[in-house]
Amino acid sequence: MSGNTDSTYYNIELNYSVLLFLLLSSLQVYSLLFTGLASNSKYALFGAVRAVAQMIAYEVPFVLSICPVIIFSQSFNFYVILKVQEQSC
């Protein structure tokens, strides 16, 4: 087997990494809306608005399910959340 077998993980500690993750995961809503706007068809726009509403409806419970983890760990940092979960086991 040839290739690089280096398994080094790079840890970038961001104080608000959970918020950054939520921000990046919600950006796809804008792409759907803009594709509906760019199509110059009212039916495609209605479909895009429906898809955006559905995605927002799925993101609200997703964010609410992350809230207890943030409250329990008292941090928005993924590394701190991981260490709190490691200590609680």
PDB file of N, CA and C in Angstrom:
ATOM      1  N   MET A   1       0.848  -1.165   0.000  1.00  0.00           N
ATOM      2  CA  MET A   1       0.000   0.000   0.000  1.00  0.00           C
ATOM      3  C   MET A   1       0.896   1.231   0.000  1.00  0.00           C
ATOM      4  N   SER A   2       0.737   2.075  -0.976  1.00  0.00           N
ATOM      5  CA  SER A   2       1.544   3.280  -1.050  1.00  0.00           C
ATOM      6  C   SER A   2       0.690   4.484  -0.687  1.00  0.00           C
ATOM      7  N   GLY A   3       1.359   5.565  -0.370  1.00  0.00           N
ATOM      8  CA  GLY A   3       0.639   6.786  -0.026  1.00  0.00           C
ATOM      9  C   GLY A   3       1.042   7.294   1.335  1.00  0.00           C
ATOM     10  N   ASN A   4       0.498   8.391   1.689  1.00  0.00           N
ATOM     11  CA  ASN A   4       0.809   9.024   2.955  1.00  0.00           C
ATOM     12  C   ASN A   4      -0.047   8.403   4.051  1.00  0.00           C
ATOM     13  N   THR A   5       0.596   7.867   5.066  1.00  0.00           N
ATOM     14  CA  THR A   5      -0.137   7.260   6.184  1.00  0.00           C
ATOM     15  C   THR A   5      -0.048   8.108   7.438  1.00  0.00           C
ATOM     16  N   ASP A   6       0.325   9.371   7.290  1.00  0.00           N
ATOM     17  CA  ASP A   6       0.416  10.275   8.426  1.00  0.00           C
ATOM     18  C   ASP A   6      -0.988  10.601   8.920  1.00  0.00           C
ATOM     19  N   SER A   7      -1.249  10.347  10.195  1.00  0.00           N
ATOM     20  CA  SER A   7      -2.579  10.581  10.759  1.00  0.00           C
ATOM     21  C   SER A   7      -2.543  11.732  11.762  1.00  0.00           C
ATOM     22  N   THR A   8      -1.890  12.800  11.407  1.00  0.00           N
ATOM     23  CA  THR A   8      -1.805  13.970  12.275  1.00  0.00           C
ATOM     24  C   THR A   8      -3.070  14.803  12.121  1.00  0.00           C
ATOM     25  N   TYR A   9      -3.661  15.150  13.252  1.00  0.00           N
ATOM     26  CA  TYR A   9      -4.839  16.000  13.242  1.00  0.00           C
ATOM     27  C   TYR A   9      -4.434  17.392  13.702  1.00  0.00           C
ATOM     28  N   TYR A  10      -4.905  18.380  12.997  1.00  0.00           N
ATOM     29  CA  TYR A  10      -4.602  19.751  13.351  1.00  0.00           C
ATOM     30  C   TYR A  10      -5.778  20.331  14.117  1.00  0.00           C
ATOM     31  N   ASN A  11      -5.491  20.809  15.293  1.00  0.00           N
ATOM     32  CA  ASN A  11      -6.537  21.348  16.157  1.00  0.00           C
ATOM     33  C   ASN A  11      -6.493  22.872  16.100  1.00  0.00           C
ATOM     34  N   ILE A  12      -7.518  23.451  15.557  1.00  0.00           N
ATOM     35  CA  ILE A  12      -7.639  24.903  15.536  1.00  0.00           C
ATOM     36  C   ILE A  12      -8.661  25.268  16.604  1.00  0.00           C
ATOM     37  N   GLU A  13      -8.204  25.941  17.621  1.00  0.00           N
ATOM     38  CA  GLU A  13      -9.106  26.285  18.714  1.00  0.00           C
ATOM     39  C   GLU A  13      -9.757  27.634  18.441  1.00  0.00           C
ATOM     40  N   LEU A  14     -11.036  27.601  18.188  1.00  0.00           N
ATOM     41  CA  LEU A  14     -11.825  28.812  18.022  1.00  0.00           C
ATOM     42  C   LEU A  14     -12.756  28.924  19.216  1.00  0.00           C
ATOM     43  N   ASN A  15     -12.865  30.102  19.776  1.00  0.00           N
ATOM     44  CA  ASN A  15     -13.706  30.278  20.955  1.00  0.00           C
ATOM     45  C   ASN A  15     -15.187  30.061  20.648  1.00  0.00           C
ATOM     46  N   TYR A  16     -15.581  30.350  19.410  1.00  0.00           N
ATOM     47  CA  TYR A  16     -16.979  30.212  19.038  1.00  0.00           C
ATOM     48  C   TYR A  16     -17.120  29.236  17.874  1.00  0.00           C
ATOM     49  N   SER A  17     -16.503  28.094  17.977  1.00  0.00           N
ATOM     50  CA  SER A  17     -16.517  27.135  16.875  1.00  0.00           C
ATOM     51  C   SER A  17     -17.903  26.535  16.648  1.00  0.00           C
ATOM     52  N   VAL A  18     -18.710  26.413  17.684  1.00  0.00           N
ATOM     53  CA  VAL A  18     -20.069  25.895  17.508  1.00  0.00           C
ATOM     54  C   VAL A  18     -20.902  26.888  16.696  1.00  0.00           C
ATOM     55  N   LEU A  19     -20.761  28.166  16.999  1.00  0.00           N
ATOM     56  CA  LEU A  19     -21.495  29.173  16.244  1.00  0.00           C
ATOM     57  C   LEU A  19     -21.019  29.240  14.799  1.00  0.00           C
ATOM     58  N   LEU A  20     -19.722  29.059  14.575  1.00  0.00           N
ATOM     59  CA  LEU A  20     -19.200  29.035  13.219  1.00  0.00           C
ATOM     60  C   LEU A  20     -19.760  27.845  12.445  1.00  0.00           C
ATOM     61  N   PHE A  21     -19.855  26.699  13.098  1.00  0.00           N
ATOM     62  CA  PHE A  21     -20.429  25.514  12.468  1.00  0.00           C
ATOM     63  C   PHE A  21     -21.894  25.746  12.097  1.00  0.00           C
ATOM     64  N   LEU A  22     -22.661  26.344  13.000  1.00  0.00           N
ATOM     65  CA  LEU A  22     -24.069  26.629  12.716  1.00  0.00           C
ATOM     66  C   LEU A  22     -24.216  27.655  11.598  1.00  0.00           C
ATOM     67  N   LEU A  23     -23.336  28.632  11.582  1.00  0.00           N
ATOM     68  CA  LEU A  23     -23.373  29.642  10.528  1.00  0.00           C
ATOM     69  C   LEU A  23     -23.090  29.018   9.166  1.00  0.00           C
ATOM     70  N   LEU A  24     -22.063  28.203   9.091  1.00  0.00           N
ATOM     71  CA  LEU A  24     -21.713  27.591   7.810  1.00  0.00           C
ATOM     72  C   LEU A  24     -22.755  26.578   7.346  1.00  0.00           C
ATOM     73  N   SER A  25     -23.392  25.900   8.280  1.00  0.00           N
ATOM     74  CA  SER A  25     -24.414  24.930   7.879  1.00  0.00           C
ATOM     75  C   SER A  25     -25.707  25.610   7.423  1.00  0.00           C
ATOM     76  N   SER A  26     -25.919  26.861   7.814  1.00  0.00           N
ATOM     77  CA  SER A  26     -27.141  27.551   7.404  1.00  0.00           C
ATOM     78  C   SER A  26     -26.965  28.374   6.133  1.00  0.00           C
ATOM     79  N   LEU A  27     -25.780  28.419   5.567  1.00  0.00           N
ATOM     80  CA  LEU A  27     -25.560  29.203   4.349  1.00  0.00           C
ATOM     81  C   LEU A  27     -26.231  28.598   3.119  1.00  0.00           C
ATOM     82  N   GLN A  28     -26.545  27.330   3.157  1.00  0.00           N
ATOM     83  CA  GLN A  28     -27.171  26.699   1.996  1.00  0.00           C
ATOM     84  C   GLN A  28     -28.586  27.226   1.752  1.00  0.00           C
ATOM     85  N   VAL A  29     -29.191  27.831   2.747  1.00  0.00           N
ATOM     86  CA  VAL A  29     -30.518  28.412   2.585  1.00  0.00           C
ATOM     87  C   VAL A  29     -30.475  29.542   1.560  1.00  0.00           C
ATOM     88  N   TYR A  30     -29.422  30.352   1.618  1.00  0.00           N
ATOM     89  CA  TYR A  30     -29.311  31.482   0.693  1.00  0.00           C
ATOM     90  C   TYR A  30     -29.121  31.015  -0.747  1.00  0.00           C
ATOM     91  N   SER A  31     -28.366  29.947  -0.935  1.00  0.00           N
ATOM     92  CA  SER A  31     -28.160  29.459  -2.303  1.00  0.00           C
ATOM     93  C   SER A  31     -29.469  28.972  -2.909  1.00  0.00           C
ATOM     94  N   LEU A  32     -30.300  28.326  -2.113  1.00  0.00           N
ATOM     95  CA  LEU A  32     -31.598  27.889  -2.629  1.00  0.00           C
ATOM     96  C   LEU A  32     -32.490  29.072  -2.992  1.00  0.00           C
ATOM     97  N   LEU A  33     -32.490  30.068  -2.140  1.00  0.00           N
ATOM     98  CA  LEU A  33     -33.327  31.233  -2.407  1.00  0.00           C
ATOM     99  C   LEU A  33     -32.850  31.989  -3.638  1.00  0.00           C
ATOM    100  N   PHE A  34     -31.549  32.147  -3.780  1.00  0.00           N
ATOM    101  CA  PHE A  34     -31.020  32.884  -4.927  1.00  0.00           C
ATOM    102  C   PHE A  34     -31.189  32.122  -6.232  1.00  0.00           C
ATOM    103  N   THR A  35     -31.164  30.802  -6.197  1.00  0.00           N
ATOM    104  CA  THR A  35     -31.429  30.058  -7.429  1.00  0.00           C
ATOM    105  C   THR A  35     -32.880  30.211  -7.851  1.00  0.00           C
ATOM    106  N   GLY A  36     -33.782  30.278  -6.884  1.00  0.00           N
ATOM    107  CA  GLY A  36     -35.179  30.524  -7.224  1.00  0.00           C
ATOM    108  C   GLY A  36     -35.397  31.914  -7.779  1.00  0.00           C
ATOM    109  N   LEU A  37     -34.676  32.888  -7.240  1.00  0.00           N
ATOM    110  CA  LEU A  37     -34.789  34.259  -7.740  1.00  0.00           C
ATOM    111  C   LEU A  37     -34.185  34.402  -9.138  1.00  0.00           C
ATOM    112  N   ALA A  38     -33.113  33.695  -9.403  1.00  0.00           N
ATOM    113  CA  ALA A  38     -32.413  33.826 -10.677  1.00  0.00           C
ATOM    114  C   ALA A  38     -33.108  33.108 -11.824  1.00  0.00           C
ATOM    115  N   SER A  39     -34.081  32.285 -11.535  1.00  0.00           N
ATOM    116  CA  SER A  39     -34.708  31.495 -12.592  1.00  0.00           C
ATOM    117  C   SER A  39     -35.719  32.285 -13.427  1.00  0.00           C
ATOM    118  N   ASN A  40     -36.147  33.445 -12.945  1.00  0.00           N
ATOM    119  CA  ASN A  40     -37.134  34.288 -13.633  1.00  0.00           C
ATOM    120  C   ASN A  40     -38.461  33.572 -13.864  1.00  0.00           C
ATOM    121  N   SER A  41     -38.793  32.682 -12.977  1.00  0.00           N
ATOM    122  CA  SER A  41     -40.071  31.986 -13.043  1.00  0.00           C
ATOM    123  C   SER A  41     -40.718  32.056 -11.664  1.00  0.00           C
ATOM    124  N   LYS A  42     -41.991  32.416 -11.642  1.00  0.00           N
ATOM    125  CA  LYS A  42     -42.638  32.538 -10.337  1.00  0.00           C
ATOM    126  C   LYS A  42     -42.828  31.174  -9.674  1.00  0.00           C
ATOM    127  N   TYR A  43     -42.966  30.114 -10.447  1.00  0.00           N
ATOM    128  CA  TYR A  43     -43.146  28.790  -9.859  1.00  0.00           C
ATOM    129  C   TYR A  43     -41.850  28.265  -9.245  1.00  0.00           C
ATOM    130  N   ALA A  44     -40.729  28.565  -9.896  1.00  0.00           N
ATOM    131  CA  ALA A  44     -39.443  28.191  -9.312  1.00  0.00           C
ATOM    132  C   ALA A  44     -39.182  28.997  -8.044  1.00  0.00           C
ATOM    133  N   LEU A  45     -39.605  30.255  -8.043  1.00  0.00           N
ATOM    134  CA  LEU A  45     -39.455  31.078  -6.846  1.00  0.00           C
ATOM    135  C   LEU A  45     -40.321  30.546  -5.707  1.00  0.00           C
ATOM    136  N   PHE A  46     -41.555  30.139  -6.016  1.00  0.00           N
ATOM    137  CA  PHE A  46     -42.416  29.547  -4.976  1.00  0.00           C
ATOM    138  C   PHE A  46     -41.800  28.260  -4.426  1.00  0.00           C
ATOM    139  N   GLY A  47     -41.235  27.449  -5.299  1.00  0.00           N
ATOM    140  CA  GLY A  47     -40.573  26.220  -4.855  1.00  0.00           C
ATOM    141  C   GLY A  47     -39.360  26.511  -4.000  1.00  0.00           C
ATOM    142  N   ALA A  48     -38.605  27.544  -4.362  1.00  0.00           N
ATOM    143  CA  ALA A  48     -37.430  27.903  -3.574  1.00  0.00           C
ATOM    144  C   ALA A  48     -37.831  28.427  -2.203  1.00  0.00           C
ATOM    145  N   VAL A  49     -38.875  29.242  -2.152  1.00  0.00           N
ATOM    146  CA  VAL A  49     -39.344  29.754  -0.857  1.00  0.00           C
ATOM    147  C   VAL A  49     -39.858  28.609   0.016  1.00  0.00           C
ATOM    148  N   ARG A  50     -40.524  27.657  -0.600  1.00  0.00           N
ATOM    149  CA  ARG A  50     -41.000  26.479   0.144  1.00  0.00           C
ATOM    150  C   ARG A  50     -39.825  25.665   0.680  1.00  0.00           C
ATOM    151  N   ALA A  51     -38.793  25.501  -0.136  1.00  0.00           N
ATOM    152  CA  ALA A  51     -37.612  24.750   0.298  1.00  0.00           C
ATOM    153  C   ALA A  51     -36.867  25.483   1.409  1.00  0.00           C
ATOM    154  N   VAL A  52     -36.794  26.802   1.321  1.00  0.00           N
ATOM    155  CA  VAL A  52     -36.145  27.590   2.370  1.00  0.00           C
ATOM    156  C   VAL A  52     -36.928  27.476   3.673  1.00  0.00           C
ATOM    157  N   ALA A  53     -38.231  27.555   3.596  1.00  0.00           N
ATOM    158  CA  ALA A  53     -39.055  27.419   4.810  1.00  0.00           C
ATOM    159  C   ALA A  53     -38.888  26.042   5.434  1.00  0.00           C
ATOM    160  N   GLN A  54     -38.796  25.026   4.603  1.00  0.00           N
ATOM    161  CA  GLN A  54     -38.613  23.668   5.115  1.00  0.00           C
ATOM    162  C   GLN A  54     -37.238  23.510   5.761  1.00  0.00           C
ATOM    163  N   MET A  55     -36.208  24.092   5.157  1.00  0.00           N
ATOM    164  CA  MET A  55     -34.871  23.993   5.741  1.00  0.00           C
ATOM    165  C   MET A  55     -34.777  24.739   7.057  1.00  0.00           C
ATOM    166  N   ILE A  56     -35.422  25.897   7.139  1.00  0.00           N
ATOM    167  CA  ILE A  56     -35.418  26.641   8.397  1.00  0.00           C
ATOM    168  C   ILE A  56     -36.182  25.871   9.469  1.00  0.00           C
ATOM    169  N   ALA A  57     -37.255  25.202   9.068  1.00  0.00           N
ATOM    170  CA  ALA A  57     -38.026  24.406  10.028  1.00  0.00           C
ATOM    171  C   ALA A  57     -37.220  23.228  10.564  1.00  0.00           C
ATOM    172  N   TYR A  58     -36.277  22.717   9.790  1.00  0.00           N
ATOM    173  CA  TYR A  58     -35.418  21.634  10.270  1.00  0.00           C
ATOM    174  C   TYR A  58     -34.223  22.156  11.047  1.00  0.00           C
ATOM    175  N   GLU A  59     -33.813  23.388  10.797  1.00  0.00           N
ATOM    176  CA  GLU A  59     -32.666  23.935  11.511  1.00  0.00           C
ATOM    177  C   GLU A  59     -33.018  24.375  12.927  1.00  0.00           C
ATOM    178  N   VAL A  60     -34.231  24.792  13.156  1.00  0.00           N
ATOM    179  CA  VAL A  60     -34.620  25.243  14.502  1.00  0.00           C
ATOM    180  C   VAL A  60     -34.495  24.116  15.525  1.00  0.00           C
ATOM    181  N   PRO A  61     -35.038  22.913  15.295  1.00  0.00           N
ATOM    182  CA  PRO A  61     -34.819  21.837  16.275  1.00  0.00           C
ATOM    183  C   PRO A  61     -33.353  21.416  16.380  1.00  0.00           C
ATOM    184  N   PHE A  62     -32.613  21.541  15.277  1.00  0.00           N
ATOM    185  CA  PHE A  62     -31.182  21.214  15.307  1.00  0.00           C
ATOM    186  C   PHE A  62     -30.439  22.143  16.262  1.00  0.00           C
ATOM    187  N   VAL A  63     -30.723  23.429  16.175  1.00  0.00           N
ATOM    188  CA  VAL A  63     -30.079  24.393  17.065  1.00  0.00           C
ATOM    189  C   VAL A  63     -30.550  24.189  18.502  1.00  0.00           C
ATOM    190  N   LEU A  64     -31.827  23.913  18.682  1.00  0.00           N
ATOM    191  CA  LEU A  64     -32.341  23.683  20.032  1.00  0.00           C
ATOM    192  C   LEU A  64     -31.782  22.409  20.658  1.00  0.00           C
ATOM    193  N   SER A  65     -31.411  21.434  19.844  1.00  0.00           N
ATOM    194  CA  SER A  65     -30.807  20.222  20.397  1.00  0.00           C
ATOM    195  C   SER A  65     -29.349  20.432  20.777  1.00  0.00           C
ATOM    196  N   ILE A  66     -28.709  21.442  20.217  1.00  0.00           N
ATOM    197  CA  ILE A  66     -27.329  21.750  20.582  1.00  0.00           C
ATOM    198  C   ILE A  66     -27.267  22.603  21.850  1.00  0.00           C
ATOM    199  N   CYS A  67     -28.325  23.322  22.152  1.00  0.00           N
ATOM    200  CA  CYS A  67     -28.342  24.214  23.318  1.00  0.00           C
ATOM    201  C   CYS A  67     -28.049  23.518  24.647  1.00  0.00           C
ATOM    202  N   PRO A  68     -28.624  22.355  24.967  1.00  0.00           N
ATOM    203  CA  PRO A  68     -28.266  21.707  26.241  1.00  0.00           C
ATOM    204  C   PRO A  68     -26.791  21.318  26.340  1.00  0.00           C
ATOM    205  N   VAL A  69     -26.198  20.953  25.227  1.00  0.00           N
ATOM    206  CA  VAL A  69     -24.771  20.611  25.232  1.00  0.00           C
ATOM    207  C   VAL A  69     -23.937  21.847  25.554  1.00  0.00           C
ATOM    208  N   ILE A  70     -24.305  22.972  24.972  1.00  0.00           N
ATOM    209  CA  ILE A  70     -23.583  24.218  25.235  1.00  0.00           C
ATOM    210  C   ILE A  70     -23.784  24.659  26.679  1.00  0.00           C
ATOM    211  N   ILE A  71     -24.996  24.519  27.194  1.00  0.00           N
ATOM    212  CA  ILE A  71     -25.278  24.914  28.578  1.00  0.00           C
ATOM    213  C   ILE A  71     -24.532  24.008  29.556  1.00  0.00           C
ATOM    214  N   PHE A  72     -24.501  22.713  29.272  1.00  0.00           N
ATOM    215  CA  PHE A  72     -23.825  21.777  30.163  1.00  0.00           C
ATOM    216  C   PHE A  72     -22.318  22.003  30.177  1.00  0.00           C
ATOM    217  N   SER A  73     -21.743  22.269  29.014  1.00  0.00           N
ATOM    218  CA  SER A  73     -20.289  22.453  28.947  1.00  0.00           C
ATOM    219  C   SER A  73     -19.866  23.886  29.235  1.00  0.00           C
ATOM    220  N   GLN A  74     -20.793  24.826  29.184  1.00  0.00           N
ATOM    221  CA  GLN A  74     -20.554  26.250  29.428  1.00  0.00           C
ATOM    222  C   GLN A  74     -19.505  26.825  28.484  1.00  0.00           C
ATOM    223  N   SER A  75     -19.526  26.353  27.228  1.00  0.00           N
ATOM    224  CA  SER A  75     -18.568  26.842  26.249  1.00  0.00           C
ATOM    225  C   SER A  75     -19.111  26.635  24.845  1.00  0.00           C
ATOM    226  N   PHE A  76     -18.661  27.481  23.925  1.00  0.00           N
ATOM    227  CA  PHE A  76     -18.989  27.326  22.517  1.00  0.00           C
ATOM    228  C   PHE A  76     -17.856  26.660  21.746  1.00  0.00           C
ATOM    229  N   ASN A  77     -16.826  26.253  22.436  1.00  0.00           N
ATOM    230  CA  ASN A  77     -15.650  25.661  21.822  1.00  0.00           C
ATOM    231  C   ASN A  77     -15.824  24.140  21.738  1.00  0.00           C
ATOM    232  N   PHE A  78     -15.615  23.574  20.528  1.00  0.00           N
ATOM    233  CA  PHE A  78     -15.758  22.130  20.357  1.00  0.00           C
ATOM    234  C   PHE A  78     -14.763  21.350  21.210  1.00  0.00           C
ATOM    235  N   TYR A  79     -13.566  21.890  21.364  1.00  0.00           N
ATOM    236  CA  TYR A  79     -12.539  21.194  22.141  1.00  0.00           C
ATOM    237  C   TYR A  79     -12.938  21.114  23.611  1.00  0.00           C
ATOM    238  N   VAL A  80     -13.484  22.180  24.159  1.00  0.00           N
ATOM    239  CA  VAL A  80     -13.925  22.185  25.561  1.00  0.00           C
ATOM    240  C   VAL A  80     -15.116  21.249  25.746  1.00  0.00           C
ATOM    241  N   ILE A  81     -16.030  21.239  24.786  1.00  0.00           N
ATOM    242  CA  ILE A  81     -17.179  20.333  24.854  1.00  0.00           C
ATOM    243  C   ILE A  81     -16.713  18.880  24.855  1.00  0.00           C
ATOM    244  N   LEU A  82     -15.724  18.577  24.038  1.00  0.00           N
ATOM    245  CA  LEU A  82     -15.168  17.225  23.990  1.00  0.00           C
ATOM    246  C   LEU A  82     -14.536  16.852  25.322  1.00  0.00           C
ATOM    247  N   LYS A  83     -13.785  17.768  25.940  1.00  0.00           N
ATOM    248  CA  LYS A  83     -13.144  17.478  27.221  1.00  0.00           C
ATOM    249  C   LYS A  83     -14.175  17.309  28.343  1.00  0.00           C
ATOM    250  N   VAL A  84     -15.252  18.087  28.322  1.00  0.00           N
ATOM    251  CA  VAL A  84     -16.302  17.947  29.339  1.00  0.00           C
ATOM    252  C   VAL A  84     -16.994  16.589  29.188  1.00  0.00           C
ATOM    253  N   GLN A  85     -17.249  16.175  27.961  1.00  0.00           N
ATOM    254  CA  GLN A  85     -17.859  14.864  27.747  1.00  0.00           C
ATOM    255  C   GLN A  85     -16.912  13.732  28.144  1.00  0.00           C
ATOM    256  N   GLU A  86     -15.626  13.954  27.941  1.00  0.00           N
ATOM    257  CA  GLU A  86     -14.637  12.949  28.315  1.00  0.00           C
ATOM    258  C   GLU A  86     -14.582  12.782  29.835  1.00  0.00           C
ATOM    259  N   GLN A  87     -14.692  13.876  30.567  1.00  0.00           N
ATOM    260  CA  GLN A  87     -14.609  13.836  32.032  1.00  0.00           C
ATOM    261  C   GLN A  87     -15.889  13.295  32.661  1.00  0.00           C
ATOM    262  N   SER A  88     -17.016  13.435  31.997  1.00  0.00           N
ATOM    263  CA  SER A  88     -18.276  13.027  32.600  1.00  0.00           C
ATOM    264  C   SER A  88     -18.520  11.519  32.476  1.00  0.00           C
ATOM    265  N   CYS A  89     -17.743  10.832  31.669  1.00  0.00           N
ATOM    266  CA  CYS A  89     -17.931   9.376  31.504  1.00  0.00           C
ATOM    267  C   CYS A  89     -17.346   8.580  32.615  1.00  0.00           C
TER     268      CYS A  89
END
